[in-house]
Amino acid sequence: MDAKGVARQAMGRYGEELAARRLAEAGMTVIERNWRCRAGEIDILARDGDALVVCEVKTRREGPYEHPMAAVRPGKAERLRRLAGRWLADHGGPPPGGVRIDLVGVVLPRRGAPVVEHVRGVA
């Protein structure tokens, strides 16, 4: 992996750490991070009461790039639903509160604190 790839990976890990903290501050319990199967990866799985939350994390540097909250398009949402179904099949089925897909967008400004936005039920 080249230096850009390493830097992007580190930025992604940092964004996921900030996202996990934000979910915990919102009263959720993070139960798994970076769950993978052949079909893809779920960044964060959490419990919110009796609901399972599948959380996609998008981290971007401030600048002319697409805002992270615009990153979950219909195809990505469908893949997250399929991955959630696979996770549930491996972990005993859906919880009483159902499944929700959330998005945490992290923008890293040139100066100052990161901006972390959490949107519930994006898909």
Protein backbone atom coordinates (compact mmCIF):
# COMPACT_ATOMS: atom_id res chain seq x y z
CA MET A 1 0.00 0.00 0.00
CA ASP A 2 1.35 3.45 -0.89
CA ALA A 3 1.65 6.39 1.53
CA LYS A 4 -1.71 7.85 0.42
CA GLY A 5 -3.45 4.53 1.09
CA VAL A 6 -1.88 4.28 4.55
CA ALA A 7 -2.91 7.87 5.35
CA ARG A 8 -6.48 7.23 4.10
CA GLN A 9 -6.69 4.07 6.22
CA ALA A 10 -5.49 5.97 9.32
CA MET A 11 -8.03 8.74 8.65
CA GLY A 12 -10.78 6.13 8.34
CA ARG A 13 -9.79 4.49 11.64
CA TYR A 14 -9.75 7.89 13.34
CA GLY A 15 -13.23 8.68 11.94
CA GLU A 16 -14.55 5.32 13.15
CA GLU A 17 -13.14 5.99 16.62
CA LEU A 18 -14.91 9.37 16.73
CA ALA A 19 -18.12 7.73 15.45
CA ALA A 20 -18.00 4.99 18.11
CA ARG A 21 -17.57 7.67 20.78
CA ARG A 22 -20.52 9.67 19.40
CA LEU A 23 -22.76 6.57 19.42
CA ALA A 24 -21.74 5.79 23.01
CA GLU A 25 -22.47 9.40 24.02
CA ALA A 26 -25.94 8.94 22.47
CA GLY A 27 -26.53 5.99 24.83
CA MET A 28 -25.79 3.18 22.38
CA THR A 29 -23.59 0.18 23.05
CA VAL A 30 -21.05 -0.63 20.36
CA ILE A 31 -21.05 -4.42 20.01
CA GLU A 32 -18.74 -4.92 17.03
CA ARG A 33 -16.48 -2.89 14.76
CA ASN A 34 -15.30 -3.68 11.24
CA TRP A 35 -17.35 -6.87 10.89
CA ARG A 36 -16.46 -8.53 7.61
CA CYS A 37 -17.78 -11.31 5.45
CA ARG A 38 -17.27 -12.16 1.78
CA ALA A 39 -19.99 -9.69 0.77
CA GLY A 40 -18.44 -6.67 2.50
CA GLU A 41 -17.96 -4.87 5.78
CA ILE A 42 -20.07 -3.14 8.41
CA ASP A 43 -18.14 -0.33 10.11
CA ILE A 44 -19.97 -0.39 13.46
CA LEU A 45 -22.76 -2.53 14.93
CA ALA A 46 -24.43 -1.14 18.03
CA ARG A 47 -27.46 -1.65 20.24
CA ASP A 48 -29.87 1.22 20.79
CA GLY A 49 -32.29 -0.09 23.37
CA ASP A 50 -33.65 -3.28 21.82
CA ALA A 51 -32.76 -2.27 18.24
CA LEU A 52 -29.68 -3.24 16.28
CA VAL A 53 -27.96 -0.32 14.58
CA VAL A 54 -25.83 -0.88 11.48
CA CYS A 55 -23.66 2.22 11.24
CA GLU A 56 -21.79 3.36 8.17
CA VAL A 57 -18.97 5.81 8.88
CA LYS A 58 -17.70 8.24 6.26
CA THR A 59 -14.70 10.43 7.00
CA ARG A 60 -13.55 13.25 4.73
CA ARG A 61 -11.07 16.08 4.93
CA GLU A 62 -12.58 19.53 4.63
CA GLY A 63 -12.40 20.73 1.06
CA PRO A 64 -13.99 20.36 -2.36
CA TYR A 65 -14.88 16.69 -1.81
CA GLU A 66 -18.35 15.26 -1.52
CA HIS A 67 -19.80 15.75 1.97
CA PRO A 68 -19.72 12.44 3.86
CA MET A 69 -23.48 12.56 4.42
CA ALA A 70 -24.02 12.32 0.64
CA ALA A 71 -22.06 9.07 0.43
CA VAL A 72 -24.83 6.55 1.12
CA ARG A 73 -26.66 6.16 -2.15
CA PRO A 74 -29.29 3.48 -2.89
CA GLY A 75 -26.74 0.82 -3.92
CA LYS A 76 -24.73 1.29 -0.73
CA ALA A 77 -27.91 1.25 1.37
CA GLU A 78 -28.99 -2.03 -0.26
CA ARG A 79 -25.55 -3.57 0.41
CA LEU A 80 -25.78 -2.50 4.08
CA ARG A 81 -29.23 -4.14 4.33
CA ARG A 82 -27.84 -7.38 2.86
CA LEU A 83 -24.83 -7.30 5.21
CA ALA A 84 -27.15 -6.68 8.17
CA GLY A 85 -29.17 -9.75 7.15
CA ARG A 86 -26.00 -11.83 6.97
CA TRP A 87 -24.88 -10.60 10.42
CA LEU A 88 -28.32 -11.37 11.89
CA ALA A 89 -28.28 -14.87 10.37
CA ASP A 90 -24.95 -15.50 12.13
CA HIS A 91 -26.08 -13.97 15.43
CA GLY A 92 -29.54 -15.36 16.15
CA GLY A 93 -31.90 -13.28 14.05
CA PRO A 94 -33.43 -9.84 14.41
CA PRO A 95 -33.80 -8.21 17.83
CA PRO A 96 -37.25 -7.17 19.13
CA GLY A 97 -36.61 -3.55 18.20
CA GLY A 98 -35.66 -4.34 14.62
CA VAL A 99 -32.72 -3.05 12.64
CA ARG A 100 -31.85 0.52 11.75
CA ILE A 101 -29.15 1.86 9.44
CA ASP A 102 -27.43 5.03 10.64
CA LEU A 103 -24.72 7.17 9.13
CA VAL A 104 -21.99 9.04 10.94
CA GLY A 105 -20.20 11.63 8.84
CA VAL A 106 -16.90 13.02 10.05
CA VAL A 107 -15.34 16.12 8.49
CA LEU A 108 -11.76 16.90 9.44
CA PRO A 109 -11.11 20.63 9.08
CA ARG A 110 -7.66 22.05 8.41
CA ARG A 111 -7.77 23.54 11.91
CA GLY A 112 -9.92 22.90 14.93
CA ALA A 113 -12.04 20.02 16.10
CA PRO A 114 -13.57 17.42 13.77
CA VAL A 115 -17.24 17.86 12.93
CA VAL A 116 -19.19 14.67 13.68
CA GLU A 117 -22.79 14.30 12.44
CA HIS A 118 -25.01 11.32 13.28
CA VAL A 119 -28.14 10.68 11.22
CA ARG A 120 -30.49 7.89 12.29
CA GLY A 121 -32.44 5.73 9.87
CA VAL A 122 -30.83 6.73 6.57
CA ALA A 123 -31.93 3.55 4.80
